[in-house]
């Protein structure tokens, strides 16, 4: 599941040889992996910005909801890109 999350977040299932500090953005500039907390709303799942190696992670009220949100994120069968 870690490789799936990394693939979904960065576009690659492997960490660069330099480690996470070697991650780049869509234009080749260094761009570290980051988590960004967002307010929780019922039915909202984590949102990924693969161009910027970032996950907008709702601040879930329980670990169980966090685990469910991450499970859904890495196990969806289709991947969609939006311009939002």
C-alpha atoms as a PDB file:
ATOM      1  CA  UNK A   1       0.000   0.000   0.000  1.00  0.00           C
ATOM      2  CA  UNK A   2       2.927   2.366   0.588  1.00  0.00           C
ATOM      3  CA  UNK A   3       4.092   1.999  -3.008  1.00  0.00           C
ATOM      4  CA  UNK A   4       0.545   2.696  -4.236  1.00  0.00           C
ATOM      5  CA  UNK A   5       0.325   5.832  -2.094  1.00  0.00           C
ATOM      6  CA  UNK A   6       3.732   7.004  -3.323  1.00  0.00           C
ATOM      7  CA  UNK A   7       2.729   6.317  -6.954  1.00  0.00           C
ATOM      8  CA  UNK A   8      -0.523   8.199  -6.548  1.00  0.00           C
ATOM      9  CA  UNK A   9       1.122  11.154  -4.808  1.00  0.00           C
ATOM     10  CA  UNK A  10       4.338  11.580  -6.791  1.00  0.00           C
ATOM     11  CA  UNK A  11       3.715   9.741 -10.058  1.00  0.00           C
ATOM     12  CA  UNK A  12       6.371   7.128  -9.231  1.00  0.00           C
ATOM     13  CA  UNK A  13       6.209   4.020  -7.053  1.00  0.00           C
ATOM     14  CA  UNK A  14       9.875   4.449  -6.099  1.00  0.00           C
ATOM     15  CA  UNK A  15      11.699   7.045  -4.077  1.00  0.00           C
ATOM     16  CA  UNK A  16      14.481   8.829  -6.018  1.00  0.00           C
ATOM     17  CA  UNK A  17      18.024   7.576  -5.374  1.00  0.00           C
ATOM     18  CA  UNK A  18      18.651  10.787  -3.379  1.00  0.00           C
ATOM     19  CA  UNK A  19      15.678   9.977  -1.123  1.00  0.00           C
ATOM     20  CA  UNK A  20      12.617  12.138  -0.563  1.00  0.00           C
ATOM     21  CA  UNK A  21      14.795  15.257  -0.755  1.00  0.00           C
ATOM     22  CA  UNK A  22      15.295  14.427  -4.454  1.00  0.00           C
ATOM     23  CA  UNK A  23      11.598  14.616  -5.407  1.00  0.00           C
ATOM     24  CA  UNK A  24      10.853  17.096  -8.167  1.00  0.00           C
ATOM     25  CA  UNK A  25       7.762  18.919  -9.398  1.00  0.00           C
ATOM     26  CA  UNK A  26       6.303  18.715 -12.902  1.00  0.00           C
ATOM     27  CA  UNK A  27       8.859  21.245 -14.155  1.00  0.00           C
ATOM     28  CA  UNK A  28      11.934  19.533 -12.690  1.00  0.00           C
ATOM     29  CA  UNK A  29      12.440  21.814  -9.679  1.00  0.00           C
ATOM     30  CA  UNK A  30      13.054  20.212  -6.289  1.00  0.00           C
ATOM     31  CA  UNK A  31       9.707  19.803  -4.561  1.00  0.00           C
ATOM     32  CA  UNK A  32       9.545  17.908  -1.255  1.00  0.00           C
ATOM     33  CA  UNK A  33       6.693  15.581  -0.328  1.00  0.00           C
ATOM     34  CA  UNK A  34       4.205  17.308   1.957  1.00  0.00           C
ATOM     35  CA  UNK A  35       0.973  16.757   3.832  1.00  0.00           C
ATOM     36  CA  UNK A  36      -1.428  19.673   4.059  1.00  0.00           C
ATOM     37  CA  UNK A  37      -4.174  19.523   6.692  1.00  0.00           C
ATOM     38  CA  UNK A  38      -7.619  20.634   5.517  1.00  0.00           C
ATOM     39  CA  UNK A  39     -10.897  20.850   7.459  1.00  0.00           C
ATOM     40  CA  UNK A  40     -12.821  17.584   7.650  1.00  0.00           C
ATOM     41  CA  UNK A  41     -16.233  17.328   6.049  1.00  0.00           C
ATOM     42  CA  UNK A  42     -18.287  14.151   5.869  1.00  0.00           C
ATOM     43  CA  UNK A  43     -17.630  12.293   2.624  1.00  0.00           C
ATOM     44  CA  UNK A  44     -14.442  14.191   1.779  1.00  0.00           C
ATOM     45  CA  UNK A  45     -11.399  12.054   1.010  1.00  0.00           C
ATOM     46  CA  UNK A  46      -7.725  13.010   0.721  1.00  0.00           C
ATOM     47  CA  UNK A  47      -6.880  14.978  -2.417  1.00  0.00           C
ATOM     48  CA  UNK A  48      -3.580  14.477  -4.195  1.00  0.00           C
ATOM     49  CA  UNK A  49      -1.558  17.051  -6.134  1.00  0.00           C
ATOM     50  CA  UNK A  50       0.947  14.802  -7.923  1.00  0.00           C
ATOM     51  CA  UNK A  51       2.557  17.744  -9.744  1.00  0.00           C
ATOM     52  CA  UNK A  52       3.596  19.123  -6.350  1.00  0.00           C
ATOM     53  CA  UNK A  53       4.059  15.869  -4.354  1.00  0.00           C
ATOM     54  CA  UNK A  54       1.359  16.959  -1.918  1.00  0.00           C
ATOM     55  CA  UNK A  55      -1.606  15.339  -0.195  1.00  0.00           C
ATOM     56  CA  UNK A  56      -4.417  17.519   1.155  1.00  0.00           C
ATOM     57  CA  UNK A  57      -5.419  15.370   4.108  1.00  0.00           C
ATOM     58  CA  UNK A  58      -8.669  16.101   5.937  1.00  0.00           C
ATOM     59  CA  UNK A  59      -8.214  16.343   9.705  1.00  0.00           C
ATOM     60  CA  UNK A  60     -10.313  13.282  10.517  1.00  0.00           C
ATOM     61  CA  UNK A  61     -11.980  13.036  13.942  1.00  0.00           C
ATOM     62  CA  UNK A  62     -10.747   9.438  14.427  1.00  0.00           C
ATOM     63  CA  UNK A  63      -7.973   7.093  13.332  1.00  0.00           C
ATOM     64  CA  UNK A  64     -10.577   4.734  11.868  1.00  0.00           C
ATOM     65  CA  UNK A  65     -11.848   7.417   9.471  1.00  0.00           C
ATOM     66  CA  UNK A  66      -8.263   8.339   8.553  1.00  0.00           C
ATOM     67  CA  UNK A  67      -7.471   4.697   7.780  1.00  0.00           C
ATOM     68  CA  UNK A  68     -10.634   4.403   5.672  1.00  0.00           C
ATOM     69  CA  UNK A  69      -9.816   7.576   3.733  1.00  0.00           C
ATOM     70  CA  UNK A  70      -6.273   6.414   2.974  1.00  0.00           C
ATOM     71  CA  UNK A  71      -7.511   2.927   2.045  1.00  0.00           C
ATOM     72  CA  UNK A  72      -9.969   4.395  -0.452  1.00  0.00           C
ATOM     73  CA  UNK A  73      -7.277   6.701  -1.829  1.00  0.00           C
ATOM     74  CA  UNK A  74      -4.802   3.936  -2.653  1.00  0.00           C
ATOM     75  CA  UNK A  75      -7.328   1.317  -3.759  1.00  0.00           C
ATOM     76  CA  UNK A  76      -9.504   3.176  -6.244  1.00  0.00           C
ATOM     77  CA  UNK A  77      -9.337   1.590  -9.661  1.00  0.00           C
ATOM     78  CA  UNK A  78      -9.532   4.725 -11.774  1.00  0.00           C
ATOM     79  CA  UNK A  79      -7.286   7.733 -11.592  1.00  0.00           C
ATOM     80  CA  UNK A  80      -8.666  11.065 -12.663  1.00  0.00           C
ATOM     81  CA  UNK A  81      -6.908  14.343 -13.183  1.00  0.00           C
ATOM     82  CA  UNK A  82      -8.611  17.674 -12.792  1.00  0.00           C
ATOM     83  CA  UNK A  83      -7.490  21.205 -13.363  1.00  0.00           C
ATOM     84  CA  UNK A  84      -8.960  22.352 -10.028  1.00  0.00           C
END
